[in-house]
Amino acid sequence: MSINSCAEMSTKPVYDFSGCTAIVTGGASGIGQDVARRLKLAGATVVVWDMKPQEKTTTESAQHYRQVDVTEITQVESACLEAAQSFGGIDLLVNCAGFAGSTFPLQDTDPLEWRKIININLMGVYNTCRAVVPVLQHSRAGRIVNIASLAGKEGTPNASAYSSAKAGVLALTKSLGKELAQSTVRVNAIAPAAINTELLHQMSPVHVQTMIDKSPMKRLGECEEVSDLTLWLLSESCSFSTGAVFDLSGGRATY
């Protein structure tokens, strides 16, 4: 009798999001693109909101695309109404839109860029949640996943705006999760360490290497690893967690 070893088997869960409509912000690249692709493969109707013009890579990872600036509340509200009317509701929201900006000591930062980083990373999440939550409350099991950052917990040197914005996302998640705790909507956040995406190109190589050196695993995370956790948080298996922060840091997180 032969017995398959665990190494020979796939132990990853298989999700079925058929009948669900998902909004993924920042879904034209990086983490957002991979999340959109995975949701599409799992049967969801996926709508990407992104500032970038639609490209072939976007259509491969999602069925529908809307060019949206998440810092503009009127654009977000219009896109939300369109999605709700077109697909009969919204079930899932994943906030991936982000902008890291340059890395300088606080006193050397550009005030305009500082504000831009806050607007995209924090105000963008506020705008989308404000628009989508009333629609999600009509879903049988609504889910919000906010992609934050370990920088929001630790405060990364020379990234004061990004750290501040992501700390705000974590606090927003905890607050909104409590507000909706007695509804069918669950709201959670992921705090990744450095993930191998084009967002890192906005940072200096020295800054990126510093983040790698801090990791006990001594590597960057991959988009697929963020997507794995995101899909679980979007699923009905995640039923008793809300307003929570899930670390994805290769062992770097200390609390």
Protein backbone atom coordinates (compact mmCIF):
# COMPACT_ATOMS: atom_id res chain seq x y z
CA MET A 1 0.00 0.00 0.00
CA SER A 2 1.42 3.37 -0.97
CA ILE A 3 0.74 6.45 1.09
CA ASN A 4 1.23 9.89 -0.46
CA SER A 5 3.40 12.17 1.57
CA CYS A 6 2.12 15.62 2.45
CA ALA A 7 4.82 17.08 0.20
CA GLU A 8 3.25 15.32 -2.79
CA MET A 9 -0.21 16.75 -2.14
CA SER A 10 -1.69 20.22 -2.56
CA THR A 11 -2.96 21.39 0.81
CA LYS A 12 -4.17 24.80 -0.39
CA PRO A 13 -7.90 25.42 -0.05
CA VAL A 14 -10.13 25.73 -3.10
CA TYR A 15 -12.60 28.63 -2.99
CA ASP A 16 -15.87 29.09 -4.85
CA PHE A 17 -16.98 32.72 -5.11
CA SER A 18 -19.56 32.05 -7.82
CA GLY A 19 -22.42 34.54 -7.58
CA CYS A 20 -20.28 37.10 -5.74
CA THR A 21 -19.37 40.53 -7.07
CA ALA A 22 -15.98 41.82 -5.96
CA ILE A 23 -14.49 45.31 -6.19
CA VAL A 24 -10.69 45.41 -6.18
CA THR A 25 -9.06 48.85 -6.04
CA GLY A 26 -5.57 49.16 -7.44
CA GLY A 27 -6.28 46.01 -9.41
CA ALA A 28 -4.27 46.97 -12.50
CA SER A 29 -0.96 45.83 -11.01
CA GLY A 30 0.79 44.24 -8.07
CA ILE A 31 -1.16 42.73 -5.19
CA GLY A 32 -4.47 44.03 -6.49
CA GLN A 33 -3.99 42.43 -9.89
CA ASP A 34 -3.18 39.06 -8.36
CA VAL A 35 -6.15 39.23 -5.98
CA ALA A 36 -8.43 40.09 -8.92
CA ARG A 37 -7.03 37.19 -10.94
CA ARG A 38 -7.51 34.73 -8.11
CA LEU A 39 -11.07 35.88 -7.45
CA LYS A 40 -11.91 35.57 -11.14
CA LEU A 41 -10.53 32.02 -11.20
CA ALA A 42 -12.68 31.24 -8.15
CA GLY A 43 -15.81 32.28 -10.04
CA ALA A 44 -16.39 35.82 -8.78
CA THR A 45 -17.50 38.69 -10.99
CA VAL A 46 -14.53 41.03 -10.56
CA VAL A 47 -14.58 44.78 -11.08
CA VAL A 48 -11.25 46.59 -10.98
CA TRP A 49 -11.06 50.25 -10.00
CA ASP A 50 -7.71 51.83 -10.86
CA MET A 51 -6.31 55.17 -11.99
CA LYS A 52 -4.37 53.54 -14.83
CA PRO A 53 -5.89 53.20 -18.31
CA GLN A 54 -7.19 49.71 -19.01
CA GLU A 55 -4.62 47.30 -20.41
CA LYS A 56 -4.70 43.73 -21.65
CA THR A 57 -3.21 42.49 -18.38
CA THR A 58 -6.16 43.98 -16.55
CA THR A 59 -8.76 42.26 -18.69
CA GLU A 60 -7.00 38.97 -18.11
CA SER A 61 -7.38 39.29 -14.33
CA ALA A 62 -10.91 40.78 -14.20
CA GLN A 63 -14.03 40.88 -16.31
CA HIS A 64 -14.80 44.54 -15.76
CA TYR A 65 -12.72 47.69 -15.41
CA ARG A 66 -13.47 51.26 -14.37
CA GLN A 67 -10.87 54.02 -14.32
CA VAL A 68 -11.37 55.49 -10.85
CA ASP A 69 -9.32 57.85 -8.69
CA VAL A 70 -10.10 56.63 -5.17
CA THR A 71 -9.20 60.05 -3.75
CA GLU A 72 -12.18 61.54 -5.59
CA ILE A 73 -15.34 60.67 -3.65
CA THR A 74 -17.68 61.52 -6.53
CA GLN A 75 -15.86 59.08 -8.84
CA VAL A 76 -16.02 56.37 -6.19
CA GLU A 77 -19.71 56.91 -5.55
CA SER A 78 -20.48 56.82 -9.27
CA ALA A 79 -18.49 53.62 -9.78
CA CYS A 80 -20.17 52.01 -6.76
CA LEU A 81 -23.65 52.85 -8.05
CA GLU A 82 -22.77 51.52 -11.49
CA ALA A 83 -21.47 48.21 -10.09
CA ALA A 84 -24.43 47.73 -7.76
CA GLN A 85 -26.93 48.37 -10.54
CA SER A 86 -25.08 46.30 -13.15
CA PHE A 87 -24.51 43.22 -11.01
CA GLY A 88 -27.34 43.36 -8.50
CA GLY A 89 -25.16 44.28 -5.56
CA ILE A 90 -21.60 44.11 -4.21
CA ASP A 91 -20.36 41.35 -1.91
CA LEU A 92 -16.60 41.85 -1.57
CA LEU A 93 -14.30 44.88 -1.38
CA VAL A 94 -10.52 44.66 -1.42
CA ASN A 95 -8.66 47.95 -0.97
CA CYS A 96 -5.27 47.57 -2.66
CA ALA A 97 -4.78 51.02 -4.21
CA GLY A 98 -1.58 52.47 -2.82
CA PHE A 99 1.29 54.88 -3.33
CA ALA A 100 4.54 54.62 -1.39
CA GLY A 101 6.24 57.81 -2.53
CA SER A 102 9.87 58.70 -2.03
CA THR A 103 11.86 57.90 1.09
CA PHE A 104 13.36 60.86 2.96
CA PRO A 105 13.66 62.01 6.57
CA LEU A 106 10.51 63.84 7.62
CA GLN A 107 12.09 67.29 7.52
CA ASP A 108 13.16 66.73 3.90
CA THR A 109 9.81 65.49 2.61
CA ASP A 110 7.73 67.40 0.07
CA PRO A 111 4.49 68.52 1.79
CA LEU A 112 2.53 67.99 -1.44
CA GLU A 113 3.78 64.43 -1.80
CA TRP A 114 3.11 63.79 1.91
CA ARG A 115 -0.52 64.82 1.38
CA LYS A 116 -0.77 62.72 -1.80
CA ILE A 117 0.39 59.62 0.07
CA ILE A 118 -2.19 60.20 2.81
CA ASN A 119 -4.93 60.86 0.27
CA ILE A 120 -4.35 57.69 -1.75
CA ASN A 121 -3.57 55.25 1.05
CA LEU A 122 -5.95 56.46 3.76
CA MET A 123 -8.59 58.73 2.24
CA GLY A 124 -8.96 56.28 -0.63
CA VAL A 125 -9.92 53.51 1.80
CA TYR A 126 -12.33 55.84 3.59
CA ASN A 127 -13.97 56.86 0.32
CA THR A 128 -14.48 53.32 -0.95
CA CYS A 129 -15.74 51.98 2.39
CA ARG A 130 -18.12 54.93 2.78
CA ALA A 131 -19.62 54.26 -0.65
CA VAL A 132 -19.65 50.45 -0.62
CA VAL A 133 -20.66 49.59 2.96
CA PRO A 134 -24.38 50.43 2.50
CA VAL A 135 -24.43 48.07 -0.49
CA LEU A 136 -22.45 45.35 1.30
CA GLN A 137 -24.99 45.34 4.12
CA HIS A 138 -27.50 43.80 1.71
CA SER A 139 -25.14 40.92 0.96
CA ARG A 140 -25.55 37.56 2.66
CA ALA A 141 -21.93 37.68 3.77
CA GLY A 142 -20.21 40.96 2.89
CA ARG A 143 -16.46 41.20 3.29
CA ILE A 144 -13.90 44.04 3.29
CA VAL A 145 -10.15 43.43 3.25
CA ASN A 146 -7.87 46.46 3.55
CA ILE A 147 -4.27 45.95 2.46
CA ALA A 148 -2.28 47.97 4.97
CA SER A 149 1.40 47.52 5.84
CA LEU A 150 3.73 46.55 8.64
CA ALA A 151 4.90 50.17 8.37
CA GLY A 152 1.58 51.16 9.92
CA LYS A 153 2.42 49.14 13.03
CA GLU A 154 6.13 49.82 13.37
CA GLY A 155 6.65 53.20 11.72
CA THR A 156 9.28 52.83 8.99
CA PRO A 157 12.12 55.38 9.11
CA ASN A 158 12.15 57.78 6.14
CA ALA A 159 8.57 56.81 5.26
CA SER A 160 6.58 58.95 7.69
CA ALA A 161 3.65 59.63 5.37
CA TYR A 162 3.27 56.02 4.26
CA SER A 163 3.58 54.77 7.84
CA SER A 164 1.03 57.31 9.05
CA ALA A 165 -1.43 56.48 6.29
CA LYS A 166 -1.21 52.74 6.87
CA ALA A 167 -1.56 53.22 10.65
CA GLY A 168 -4.75 55.09 9.83
CA VAL A 169 -5.97 52.19 7.68
CA LEU A 170 -5.43 49.81 10.59
CA ALA A 171 -7.38 52.07 12.96
CA LEU A 172 -10.15 52.56 10.39
CA THR A 173 -10.40 48.78 9.99
CA LYS A 174 -10.73 48.23 13.73
CA SER A 175 -13.33 50.97 14.07
CA LEU A 176 -15.43 49.90 11.08
CA GLY A 177 -15.21 46.26 12.07
CA LYS A 178 -16.74 47.09 15.45
CA GLU A 179 -19.43 49.26 13.86
CA LEU A 180 -20.52 46.39 11.61
CA ALA A 181 -19.88 43.52 14.01
CA GLN A 182 -23.57 42.68 14.44
CA SER A 183 -24.21 42.75 10.71
CA THR A 184 -23.20 40.15 8.12
CA VAL A 185 -20.20 42.27 7.07
CA ARG A 186 -16.68 41.42 8.24
CA VAL A 187 -13.88 43.99 7.98
CA ASN A 188 -10.24 42.97 8.34
CA ALA A 189 -6.80 44.20 7.35
CA ILE A 190 -3.55 42.60 6.27
CA ALA A 191 -0.23 44.13 7.34
CA PRO A 192 2.41 42.80 4.94
CA ALA A 193 6.11 43.46 5.17
CA ALA A 194 7.82 44.30 1.85
CA ILE A 195 6.10 42.51 -1.05
CA ASN A 196 7.74 42.00 -4.43
CA THR A 197 5.72 44.49 -6.51
CA GLU A 198 6.43 47.54 -8.66
CA LEU A 199 5.54 49.70 -5.64
CA LEU A 200 9.06 48.99 -4.39
CA HIS A 201 10.43 50.80 -7.44
CA GLN A 202 9.25 54.05 -5.85
CA MET A 203 11.69 53.42 -3.00
CA SER A 204 15.47 53.55 -2.99
CA PRO A 205 17.31 50.20 -3.35
CA VAL A 206 18.94 50.84 0.01
CA HIS A 207 15.52 51.26 1.66
CA VAL A 208 14.25 48.02 0.08
CA GLN A 209 17.36 46.10 1.13
CA THR A 210 16.94 47.38 4.69
CA MET A 211 13.45 45.89 4.78
CA ILE A 212 14.74 42.56 3.47
CA ASP A 213 17.53 42.51 6.03
CA LYS A 214 14.98 43.01 8.84
CA SER A 215 13.05 39.92 7.79
CA PRO A 216 13.88 36.68 9.63
CA MET A 217 13.17 34.90 6.33
CA LYS A 218 15.56 37.29 4.52
CA ARG A 219 13.32 37.72 1.49
CA LEU A 220 10.46 39.71 0.07
CA GLY A 221 6.93 38.38 0.23
CA GLU A 222 5.15 37.46 -3.00
CA CYS A 223 1.78 38.66 -4.29
CA GLU A 224 0.45 35.10 -4.26
CA GLU A 225 1.06 34.91 -0.52
CA VAL A 226 -1.00 38.05 0.07
CA SER A 227 -3.75 36.69 -2.18
CA ASP A 228 -3.88 33.41 -0.25
CA LEU A 229 -4.66 35.24 3.00
CA THR A 230 -6.99 37.71 1.27
CA LEU A 231 -9.17 34.96 -0.20
CA TRP A 232 -9.56 33.32 3.20
CA LEU A 233 -10.60 36.65 4.75
CA LEU A 234 -13.14 37.11 1.94
CA SER A 235 -14.58 33.65 2.42
CA GLU A 236 -17.31 32.52 4.80
CA SER A 237 -14.63 30.56 6.67
CA CYS A 238 -13.71 33.92 8.17
CA SER A 239 -16.79 34.29 10.35
CA PHE A 240 -15.59 35.27 13.83
CA SER A 241 -12.79 37.69 12.91
CA THR A 242 -13.59 41.33 12.30
CA GLY A 243 -11.73 44.54 12.98
CA ALA A 244 -8.58 42.43 13.07
CA VAL A 245 -5.08 42.87 11.66
CA PHE A 246 -3.37 39.85 10.13
CA ASP A 247 0.41 39.99 9.84
CA LEU A 248 2.17 38.75 6.71
CA SER A 249 5.74 39.63 7.52
CA GLY A 250 7.99 36.59 7.24
CA GLY A 251 8.37 36.59 11.01
CA ARG A 252 9.30 40.26 11.26
CA ALA A 253 6.22 41.44 13.21
CA THR A 254 6.74 41.61 16.96
CA TYR A 255 3.18 42.40 18.04
